[in-house]
Amino acid sequence: MMRFLIFLLGTILGTALTLFVVLMQWNAPDKLGWSISWLPKPIPEEAASVGSIRAIPLVAAPVSKAYPEPDMSTEIIAEPTPMPWPPVIADINPATAPVQTSGLLMPIASIKVSELSDTFNDARSGGRVHDAIDIMAAKGTPVIAVNDGKLVKLFNSKKGGLTIYQFDPTETHAYYYAHLDSYAPGVKEGDSLMRGDVIGYVGSTGNASPEAPHLHFAVFVLGPEKKWWQGTAINPYPLLGGSVKK
């Protein structure tokens, strides 16, 4: 028992002496005359003040040569390929071209057949023939799809303004709506259209007169290449119920 007490007392004294030396080395190293190498050196009070903190220089992260930064000094904008207006009349023999036989829905629901004018063969500037009919209506009047089919192109041209090109279900005929004031919300290229779907609104964009808003409506037979801007124009007037004068 006595040996254990002597051992315990020696351990306590040894620990206390070690703590005393460490504290003296930390708070007043000069008084000991020697230092303990593994103890960190205390920061002088004047160095710890806010005004004397040394700024650590920032080092830029290395740039990876495997993934160089893109050059954003120039921006490349693809220019759209200009398309003709009105649609180019292809060199197709009208006698052998397929003809639209089924009636079409009136593209402006409020218009009666008796209000239509057959302007298909009317002359236009530059020696052109109209190859379409103009359906007069107030600006903002809804324009509806005349047949089922696919909306293949939304195009803004200098003469036609905001336009829509639609193919019929067999991609034999194309329907062309021009001078629109705006497209119907949500309408986009590739949409499958049903007869009567609202696709846009009557306007006077392009070379149309603001005093005479109207829908320029055309139908043309597509060639084998199925180009949305090219085909053989056929008169839409009788397809909408009008009687062509002979």
C-alpha atoms as a PDB file:
ATOM      1  CA  MET A   1       0.000   0.000   0.000  1.00  0.00           C
ATOM      2  CA  MET A   2       2.784   2.403   0.903  1.00  0.00           C
ATOM      3  CA  ARG A   3       4.518   1.731  -2.424  1.00  0.00           C
ATOM      4  CA  PHE A   4       1.347   2.537  -4.330  1.00  0.00           C
ATOM      5  CA  LEU A   5       0.911   5.854  -2.510  1.00  0.00           C
ATOM      6  CA  ILE A   6       4.538   6.785  -3.181  1.00  0.00           C
ATOM      7  CA  PHE A   7       4.063   5.921  -6.882  1.00  0.00           C
ATOM      8  CA  LEU A   8       0.831   7.953  -7.100  1.00  0.00           C
ATOM      9  CA  LEU A   9       2.446  10.956  -5.377  1.00  0.00           C
ATOM     10  CA  GLY A  10       5.420  10.837  -7.743  1.00  0.00           C
ATOM     11  CA  THR A  11       3.118  10.699 -10.785  1.00  0.00           C
ATOM     12  CA  ILE A  12       1.139  13.742  -9.599  1.00  0.00           C
ATOM     13  CA  LEU A  13       4.308  15.746  -8.862  1.00  0.00           C
ATOM     14  CA  GLY A  14       5.802  14.798 -12.243  1.00  0.00           C
ATOM     15  CA  THR A  15       2.655  15.852 -14.102  1.00  0.00           C
ATOM     16  CA  ALA A  16       2.454  19.144 -12.211  1.00  0.00           C
ATOM     17  CA  LEU A  17       6.114  19.887 -12.957  1.00  0.00           C
ATOM     18  CA  THR A  18       5.605  19.165 -16.658  1.00  0.00           C
ATOM     19  CA  LEU A  19       2.570  21.479 -16.825  1.00  0.00           C
ATOM     20  CA  PHE A  20       4.532  24.207 -15.040  1.00  0.00           C
ATOM     21  CA  VAL A  21       7.395  23.983 -17.551  1.00  0.00           C
ATOM     22  CA  VAL A  22       5.023  24.011 -20.534  1.00  0.00           C
ATOM     23  CA  LEU A  23       3.109  27.028 -19.261  1.00  0.00           C
ATOM     24  CA  MET A  24       6.314  28.906 -18.522  1.00  0.00           C
ATOM     25  CA  GLN A  25       7.649  28.091 -21.990  1.00  0.00           C
ATOM     26  CA  TRP A  26       4.372  29.317 -23.580  1.00  0.00           C
ATOM     27  CA  ASN A  27       3.909  32.546 -21.568  1.00  0.00           C
ATOM     28  CA  ALA A  28       7.519  33.537 -20.703  1.00  0.00           C
ATOM     29  CA  PRO A  29      10.030  31.534 -22.750  1.00  0.00           C
ATOM     30  CA  ASP A  30      12.845  33.989 -21.984  1.00  0.00           C
ATOM     31  CA  LYS A  31      12.740  33.204 -18.230  1.00  0.00           C
ATOM     32  CA  LEU A  32      13.611  29.552 -18.736  1.00  0.00           C
ATOM     33  CA  GLY A  33      16.591  30.166 -21.000  1.00  0.00           C
ATOM     34  CA  TRP A  34      15.724  27.256 -23.217  1.00  0.00           C
ATOM     35  CA  SER A  35      12.700  26.277 -25.335  1.00  0.00           C
ATOM     36  CA  ILE A  36      10.675  23.213 -26.132  1.00  0.00           C
ATOM     37  CA  SER A  37      10.972  22.611 -29.891  1.00  0.00           C
ATOM     38  CA  TRP A  38       7.586  20.993 -30.406  1.00  0.00           C
ATOM     39  CA  LEU A  39       5.574  23.847 -28.857  1.00  0.00           C
ATOM     40  CA  PRO A  40       4.158  26.472 -31.277  1.00  0.00           C
ATOM     41  CA  LYS A  41       5.476  29.954 -30.739  1.00  0.00           C
ATOM     42  CA  PRO A  42       2.884  32.407 -29.371  1.00  0.00           C
ATOM     43  CA  ILE A  43       1.790  35.316 -31.573  1.00  0.00           C
ATOM     44  CA  PRO A  44       3.014  38.673 -30.235  1.00  0.00           C
ATOM     45  CA  GLU A  45       0.220  40.947 -29.080  1.00  0.00           C
ATOM     46  CA  GLU A  46       1.155  43.707 -31.514  1.00  0.00           C
ATOM     47  CA  ALA A  47       1.011  41.233 -34.424  1.00  0.00           C
ATOM     48  CA  ALA A  48      -2.404  40.023 -33.331  1.00  0.00           C
ATOM     49  CA  SER A  49      -3.980  43.477 -33.589  1.00  0.00           C
ATOM     50  CA  VAL A  50      -6.303  44.094 -36.539  1.00  0.00           C
ATOM     51  CA  GLY A  51      -4.194  46.870 -38.000  1.00  0.00           C
ATOM     52  CA  SER A  52      -1.065  44.714 -38.245  1.00  0.00           C
ATOM     53  CA  ILE A  53      -2.462  41.483 -39.713  1.00  0.00           C
ATOM     54  CA  ARG A  54      -0.380  40.530 -42.729  1.00  0.00           C
ATOM     55  CA  ALA A  55      -2.401  39.999 -45.889  1.00  0.00           C
ATOM     56  CA  ILE A  56      -1.948  36.605 -47.488  1.00  0.00           C
ATOM     57  CA  PRO A  57      -1.410  37.010 -51.235  1.00  0.00           C
ATOM     58  CA  LEU A  58      -3.995  35.280 -53.411  1.00  0.00           C
ATOM     59  CA  VAL A  59      -2.628  32.788 -55.896  1.00  0.00           C
ATOM     60  CA  ALA A  60      -4.611  32.167 -59.073  1.00  0.00           C
ATOM     61  CA  ALA A  61      -5.669  28.595 -59.655  1.00  0.00           C
ATOM     62  CA  PRO A  62      -3.794  26.932 -62.479  1.00  0.00           C
ATOM     63  CA  VAL A  63      -5.645  26.915 -65.789  1.00  0.00           C
ATOM     64  CA  SER A  64      -6.161  23.475 -67.253  1.00  0.00           C
ATOM     65  CA  LYS A  65      -4.687  23.241 -70.723  1.00  0.00           C
ATOM     66  CA  ALA A  66      -6.988  20.333 -71.494  1.00  0.00           C
ATOM     67  CA  TYR A  67     -10.078  22.588 -71.352  1.00  0.00           C
ATOM     68  CA  PRO A  68      -9.150  26.083 -72.563  1.00  0.00           C
ATOM     69  CA  GLU A  69     -11.512  28.966 -71.960  1.00  0.00           C
ATOM     70  CA  PRO A  70     -13.758  29.689 -75.000  1.00  0.00           C
ATOM     71  CA  ASP A  71     -13.158  32.911 -76.867  1.00  0.00           C
ATOM     72  CA  MET A  72     -16.243  35.038 -76.205  1.00  0.00           C
ATOM     73  CA  SER A  73     -14.885  38.138 -77.912  1.00  0.00           C
ATOM     74  CA  THR A  74     -16.897  37.376 -81.028  1.00  0.00           C
ATOM     75  CA  GLU A  75     -20.378  35.975 -81.451  1.00  0.00           C
ATOM     76  CA  ILE A  76     -21.363  34.062 -84.537  1.00  0.00           C
ATOM     77  CA  ILE A  77     -24.980  34.480 -85.574  1.00  0.00           C
ATOM     78  CA  ALA A  78     -26.225  32.277 -88.377  1.00  0.00           C
ATOM     79  CA  GLU A  79     -28.021  34.271 -91.025  1.00  0.00           C
ATOM     80  CA  PRO A  80     -31.206  32.605 -92.285  1.00  0.00           C
ATOM     81  CA  THR A  81     -31.279  31.637 -95.916  1.00  0.00           C
ATOM     82  CA  PRO A  82     -33.557  34.118 -97.670  1.00  0.00           C
ATOM     83  CA  MET A  83     -36.611  32.439 -99.162  1.00  0.00           C
ATOM     84  CA  PRO A  84     -38.671  33.844-102.035  1.00  0.00           C
ATOM     85  CA  TRP A  85     -42.099  35.349-101.624  1.00  0.00           C
ATOM     86  CA  PRO A  86     -44.604  34.430-102.836  1.00  0.00           C
ATOM     87  CA  PRO A  87     -43.776  30.702-103.128  1.00  0.00           C
ATOM     88  CA  VAL A  88     -41.820  29.855-106.248  1.00  0.00           C
ATOM     89  CA  ILE A  89     -43.992  28.382-108.949  1.00  0.00           C
ATOM     90  CA  ALA A  90     -42.217  25.228-109.993  1.00  0.00           C
ATOM     91  CA  ASP A  91     -42.128  23.949-113.529  1.00  0.00           C
ATOM     92  CA  ILE A  92     -44.807  21.279-113.093  1.00  0.00           C
ATOM     93  CA  ASN A  93     -47.302  20.356-115.793  1.00  0.00           C
ATOM     94  CA  PRO A  94     -50.726  21.466-114.458  1.00  0.00           C
ATOM     95  CA  ALA A  95     -52.415  18.767-116.511  1.00  0.00           C
ATOM     96  CA  THR A  96     -50.642  16.000-114.614  1.00  0.00           C
ATOM     97  CA  ALA A  97     -50.414  17.703-111.219  1.00  0.00           C
ATOM     98  CA  PRO A  98     -52.715  16.328-108.511  1.00  0.00           C
ATOM     99  CA  VAL A  99     -55.677  18.565-107.811  1.00  0.00           C
ATOM    100  CA  GLN A 100     -57.252  19.312-104.469  1.00  0.00           C
ATOM    101  CA  THR A 101     -60.685  17.744-104.760  1.00  0.00           C
ATOM    102  CA  SER A 102     -62.091  17.996-101.251  1.00  0.00           C
ATOM    103  CA  GLY A 103     -63.441  21.286 -99.967  1.00  0.00           C
ATOM    104  CA  LEU A 104     -61.425  23.325 -97.526  1.00  0.00           C
ATOM    105  CA  LEU A 105     -62.615  25.048 -94.406  1.00  0.00           C
ATOM    106  CA  MET A 106     -62.931  28.822 -94.687  1.00  0.00           C
ATOM    107  CA  PRO A 107     -59.696  30.154 -93.062  1.00  0.00           C
ATOM    108  CA  ILE A 108     -61.683  32.985 -91.449  1.00  0.00           C
ATOM    109  CA  ALA A 109     -64.786  31.508 -89.876  1.00  0.00           C
ATOM    110  CA  SER A 110     -66.825  34.723 -89.972  1.00  0.00           C
ATOM    111  CA  ILE A 111     -66.416  35.129 -93.741  1.00  0.00           C
ATOM    112  CA  LYS A 112     -69.111  33.822 -96.082  1.00  0.00           C
ATOM    113  CA  VAL A 113     -68.373  32.437 -99.543  1.00  0.00           C
ATOM    114  CA  SER A 114     -70.359  35.302-101.053  1.00  0.00           C
ATOM    115  CA  GLU A 115     -67.872  37.757 -99.534  1.00  0.00           C
ATOM    116  CA  LEU A 116     -64.891  36.217-101.330  1.00  0.00           C
ATOM    117  CA  SER A 117     -63.384  37.639-104.507  1.00  0.00           C
ATOM    118  CA  ASP A 118     -61.546  35.521-107.043  1.00  0.00           C
ATOM    119  CA  THR A 119     -58.261  37.414-107.372  1.00  0.00           C
ATOM    120  CA  PHE A 120     -56.189  34.375-108.336  1.00  0.00           C
ATOM    121  CA  ASN A 121     -55.349  35.658-111.825  1.00  0.00           C
ATOM    122  CA  ASP A 122     -55.053  39.344-110.919  1.00  0.00           C
ATOM    123  CA  ALA A 123     -51.897  41.137-111.966  1.00  0.00           C
ATOM    124  CA  ARG A 124     -49.413  42.289-109.377  1.00  0.00           C
ATOM    125  CA  SER A 125     -46.284  44.460-109.445  1.00  0.00           C
ATOM    126  CA  GLY A 126     -43.272  43.279-111.374  1.00  0.00           C
ATOM    127  CA  GLY A 127     -45.364  41.398-113.912  1.00  0.00           C
ATOM    128  CA  ARG A 128     -46.458  38.842-111.356  1.00  0.00           C
ATOM    129  CA  VAL A 129     -49.801  37.085-111.116  1.00  0.00           C
ATOM    130  CA  HIS A 130     -51.435  36.996-107.717  1.00  0.00           C
ATOM    131  CA  ASP A 131     -51.752  33.151-107.553  1.00  0.00           C
ATOM    132  CA  ALA A 132     -53.779  33.541-104.346  1.00  0.00           C
ATOM    133  CA  ILE A 133     -56.857  35.230-102.955  1.00  0.00           C
ATOM    134  CA  ASP A 134     -57.082  38.030-100.420  1.00  0.00           C
ATOM    135  CA  ILE A 135     -59.687  37.616 -97.702  1.00  0.00           C
ATOM    136  CA  MET A 136     -60.470  40.953 -96.101  1.00  0.00           C
ATOM    137  CA  ALA A 137     -61.068  41.004 -92.335  1.00  0.00           C
ATOM    138  CA  ALA A 138     -60.430  43.181 -89.315  1.00  0.00           C
ATOM    139  CA  LYS A 139     -57.001  43.106 -87.721  1.00  0.00           C
ATOM    140  CA  GLY A 140     -56.807  40.453 -85.022  1.00  0.00           C
ATOM    141  CA  THR A 141     -59.515  38.206 -86.521  1.00  0.00           C
ATOM    142  CA  PRO A 142     -58.600  34.542 -85.863  1.00  0.00           C
ATOM    143  CA  VAL A 143     -57.208  32.540 -88.790  1.00  0.00           C
ATOM    144  CA  ILE A 144     -57.926  28.805 -88.695  1.00  0.00           C
ATOM    145  CA  ALA A 145     -56.387  25.787 -90.420  1.00  0.00           C
ATOM    146  CA  VAL A 146     -58.312  24.906 -93.574  1.00  0.00           C
ATOM    147  CA  ASN A 147     -57.433  21.222 -93.356  1.00  0.00           C
ATOM    148  CA  ASP A 148     -55.695  18.633 -91.221  1.00  0.00           C
ATOM    149  CA  GLY A 149     -51.950  18.434 -91.680  1.00  0.00           C
ATOM    150  CA  LYS A 150     -48.550  19.489 -90.421  1.00  0.00           C
ATOM    151  CA  LEU A 151     -47.310  22.996 -89.770  1.00  0.00           C
ATOM    152  CA  VAL A 152     -43.945  22.885 -91.540  1.00  0.00           C
ATOM    153  CA  LYS A 153     -42.742  26.490 -91.410  1.00  0.00           C
ATOM    154  CA  LEU A 154     -43.220  29.766 -89.570  1.00  0.00           C
ATOM    155  CA  PHE A 155     -41.524  32.397 -91.675  1.00  0.00           C
ATOM    156  CA  ASN A 156     -41.187  36.176 -91.559  1.00  0.00           C
ATOM    157  CA  SER A 157     -40.570  37.552 -95.033  1.00  0.00           C
ATOM    158  CA  LYS A 158     -40.184  41.099 -96.301  1.00  0.00           C
ATOM    159  CA  LYS A 159     -43.247  40.937 -98.551  1.00  0.00           C
ATOM    160  CA  GLY A 160     -45.409  38.307 -96.894  1.00  0.00           C
ATOM    161  CA  GLY A 161     -44.754  39.391 -93.316  1.00  0.00           C
ATOM    162  CA  LEU A 162     -45.599  36.725 -90.753  1.00  0.00           C
ATOM    163  CA  THR A 163     -46.478  33.584 -92.693  1.00  0.00           C
ATOM    164  CA  ILE A 164     -47.430  29.956 -92.090  1.00  0.00           C
ATOM    165  CA  TYR A 165     -46.822  27.015 -94.418  1.00  0.00           C
ATOM    166  CA  GLN A 166     -48.917  23.908 -93.822  1.00  0.00           C
ATOM    167  CA  PHE A 167     -48.809  20.542 -95.615  1.00  0.00           C
ATOM    168  CA  ASP A 168     -51.896  18.381 -96.028  1.00  0.00           C
ATOM    169  CA  PRO A 169     -51.829  14.851 -94.486  1.00  0.00           C
ATOM    170  CA  THR A 170     -50.487  13.297 -97.712  1.00  0.00           C
ATOM    171  CA  GLU A 171     -47.916  16.072 -98.256  1.00  0.00           C
ATOM    172  CA  THR A 172     -49.381  16.635-101.715  1.00  0.00           C
ATOM    173  CA  HIS A 173     -50.572  20.190-101.184  1.00  0.00           C
ATOM    174  CA  ALA A 174     -49.345  23.134 -99.161  1.00  0.00           C
ATOM    175  CA  TYR A 175     -51.481  25.894 -97.669  1.00  0.00           C
ATOM    176  CA  TYR A 176     -49.993  29.335 -97.329  1.00  0.00           C
ATOM    177  CA  TYR A 177     -51.242  32.014 -94.902  1.00  0.00           C
ATOM    178  CA  ALA A 178     -49.592  35.441 -95.114  1.00  0.00           C
ATOM    179  CA  HIS A 179     -49.679  39.006 -93.696  1.00  0.00           C
ATOM    180  CA  LEU A 180     -50.546  37.679 -90.226  1.00  0.00           C
ATOM    181  CA  ASP A 181     -50.496  40.116 -87.338  1.00  0.00           C
ATOM    182  CA  SER A 182     -49.274  37.388 -84.969  1.00  0.00           C
ATOM    183  CA  TYR A 183     -49.212  33.644 -84.463  1.00  0.00           C
ATOM    184  CA  ALA A 184     -51.574  31.900 -82.082  1.00  0.00           C
ATOM    185  CA  PRO A 185     -50.031  31.226 -78.649  1.00  0.00           C
ATOM    186  CA  GLY A 186     -48.091  27.971 -78.530  1.00  0.00           C
ATOM    187  CA  VAL A 187     -48.054  27.436 -82.295  1.00  0.00           C
ATOM    188  CA  LYS A 188     -44.734  26.011 -83.485  1.00  0.00           C
ATOM    189  CA  GLU A 189     -43.145  24.224 -86.412  1.00  0.00           C
ATOM    190  CA  GLY A 190     -43.901  20.511 -86.500  1.00  0.00           C
ATOM    191  CA  ASP A 191     -47.359  20.839 -84.937  1.00  0.00           C
ATOM    192  CA  SER A 192     -50.055  18.481 -86.164  1.00  0.00           C
ATOM    193  CA  LEU A 193     -52.997  20.693 -87.075  1.00  0.00           C
ATOM    194  CA  MET A 194     -56.674  19.847 -87.197  1.00  0.00           C
ATOM    195  CA  ARG A 195     -59.277  21.578 -89.324  1.00  0.00           C
ATOM    196  CA  GLY A 196     -60.464  24.615 -87.416  1.00  0.00           C
ATOM    197  CA  ASP A 197     -57.399  25.054 -85.167  1.00  0.00           C
ATOM    198  CA  VAL A 198     -56.599  28.728 -84.607  1.00  0.00           C
ATOM    199  CA  ILE A 199     -53.100  29.287 -85.998  1.00  0.00           C
ATOM    200  CA  GLY A 200     -52.812  33.078 -86.202  1.00  0.00           C
ATOM    201  CA  TYR A 201     -54.542  36.422 -86.538  1.00  0.00           C
ATOM    202  CA  VAL A 202     -55.282  38.676 -89.506  1.00  0.00           C
ATOM    203  CA  GLY A 203     -52.907  41.579 -89.943  1.00  0.00           C
ATOM    204  CA  SER A 204     -51.057  43.714 -92.445  1.00  0.00           C
ATOM    205  CA  THR A 205     -47.437  42.678 -91.976  1.00  0.00           C
ATOM    206  CA  GLY A 206     -45.072  42.569 -94.930  1.00  0.00           C
ATOM    207  CA  ASN A 207     -46.075  44.743 -97.877  1.00  0.00           C
ATOM    208  CA  ALA A 208     -49.797  44.805 -97.018  1.00  0.00           C
ATOM    209  CA  SER A 209     -51.446  48.162 -96.405  1.00  0.00           C
ATOM    210  CA  PRO A 210     -52.177  48.923 -92.727  1.00  0.00           C
ATOM    211  CA  GLU A 211     -55.506  50.408 -93.880  1.00  0.00           C
ATOM    212  CA  ALA A 212     -56.534  47.096 -95.451  1.00  0.00           C
ATOM    213  CA  PRO A 213     -55.671  44.158 -93.197  1.00  0.00           C
ATOM    214  CA  HIS A 214     -56.362  40.839 -94.865  1.00  0.00           C
ATOM    215  CA  LEU A 215     -55.326  37.207 -95.155  1.00  0.00           C
ATOM    216  CA  HIS A 216     -53.340  36.295 -98.268  1.00  0.00           C
ATOM    217  CA  PHE A 217     -54.262  32.633 -98.792  1.00  0.00           C
ATOM    218  CA  ALA A 218     -52.717  30.328-101.375  1.00  0.00           C
ATOM    219  CA  VAL A 219     -52.692  26.630-102.216  1.00  0.00           C
ATOM    220  CA  PHE A 220     -49.974  24.958-104.247  1.00  0.00           C
ATOM    221  CA  VAL A 221     -49.056  21.465-105.340  1.00  0.00           C
ATOM    222  CA  LEU A 222     -45.777  20.266-103.885  1.00  0.00           C
ATOM    223  CA  GLY A 223     -43.019  18.851-106.055  1.00  0.00           C
ATOM    224  CA  PRO A 224     -41.235  15.557-105.301  1.00  0.00           C
ATOM    225  CA  GLU A 225     -38.668  17.392-103.134  1.00  0.00           C
ATOM    226  CA  LYS A 226     -41.479  18.601-100.815  1.00  0.00           C
ATOM    227  CA  LYS A 227     -39.999  22.083-100.514  1.00  0.00           C
ATOM    228  CA  TRP A 228     -42.282  24.231 -98.410  1.00  0.00           C
ATOM    229  CA  TRP A 229     -41.619  27.340-100.493  1.00  0.00           C
ATOM    230  CA  GLN A 230     -41.961  25.770-103.940  1.00  0.00           C
ATOM    231  CA  GLY A 231     -44.854  24.308-105.898  1.00  0.00           C
ATOM    232  CA  THR A 232     -47.532  24.817-108.543  1.00  0.00           C
ATOM    233  CA  ALA A 233     -50.211  27.301-107.507  1.00  0.00           C
ATOM    234  CA  ILE A 234     -53.860  26.283-107.859  1.00  0.00           C
ATOM    235  CA  ASN A 235     -56.854  28.523-107.365  1.00  0.00           C
ATOM    236  CA  PRO A 236     -58.137  28.289-103.761  1.00  0.00           C
ATOM    237  CA  TYR A 237     -61.356  30.152-104.590  1.00  0.00           C
ATOM    238  CA  PRO A 238     -63.391  27.116-105.744  1.00  0.00           C
ATOM    239  CA  LEU A 239     -61.898  24.990-102.957  1.00  0.00           C
ATOM    240  CA  LEU A 240     -63.516  27.383-100.492  1.00  0.00           C
ATOM    241  CA  GLY A 241     -66.882  27.077-102.204  1.00  0.00           C
ATOM    242  CA  GLY A 242     -66.645  29.830-104.800  1.00  0.00           C
ATOM    243  CA  SER A 243     -67.759  29.396-108.392  1.00  0.00           C
ATOM    244  CA  VAL A 244     -65.119  30.217-110.968  1.00  0.00           C
ATOM    245  CA  LYS A 245     -66.430  32.173-113.912  1.00  0.00           C
ATOM    246  CA  LYS A 246     -65.724  30.506-117.258  1.00  0.00           C
END
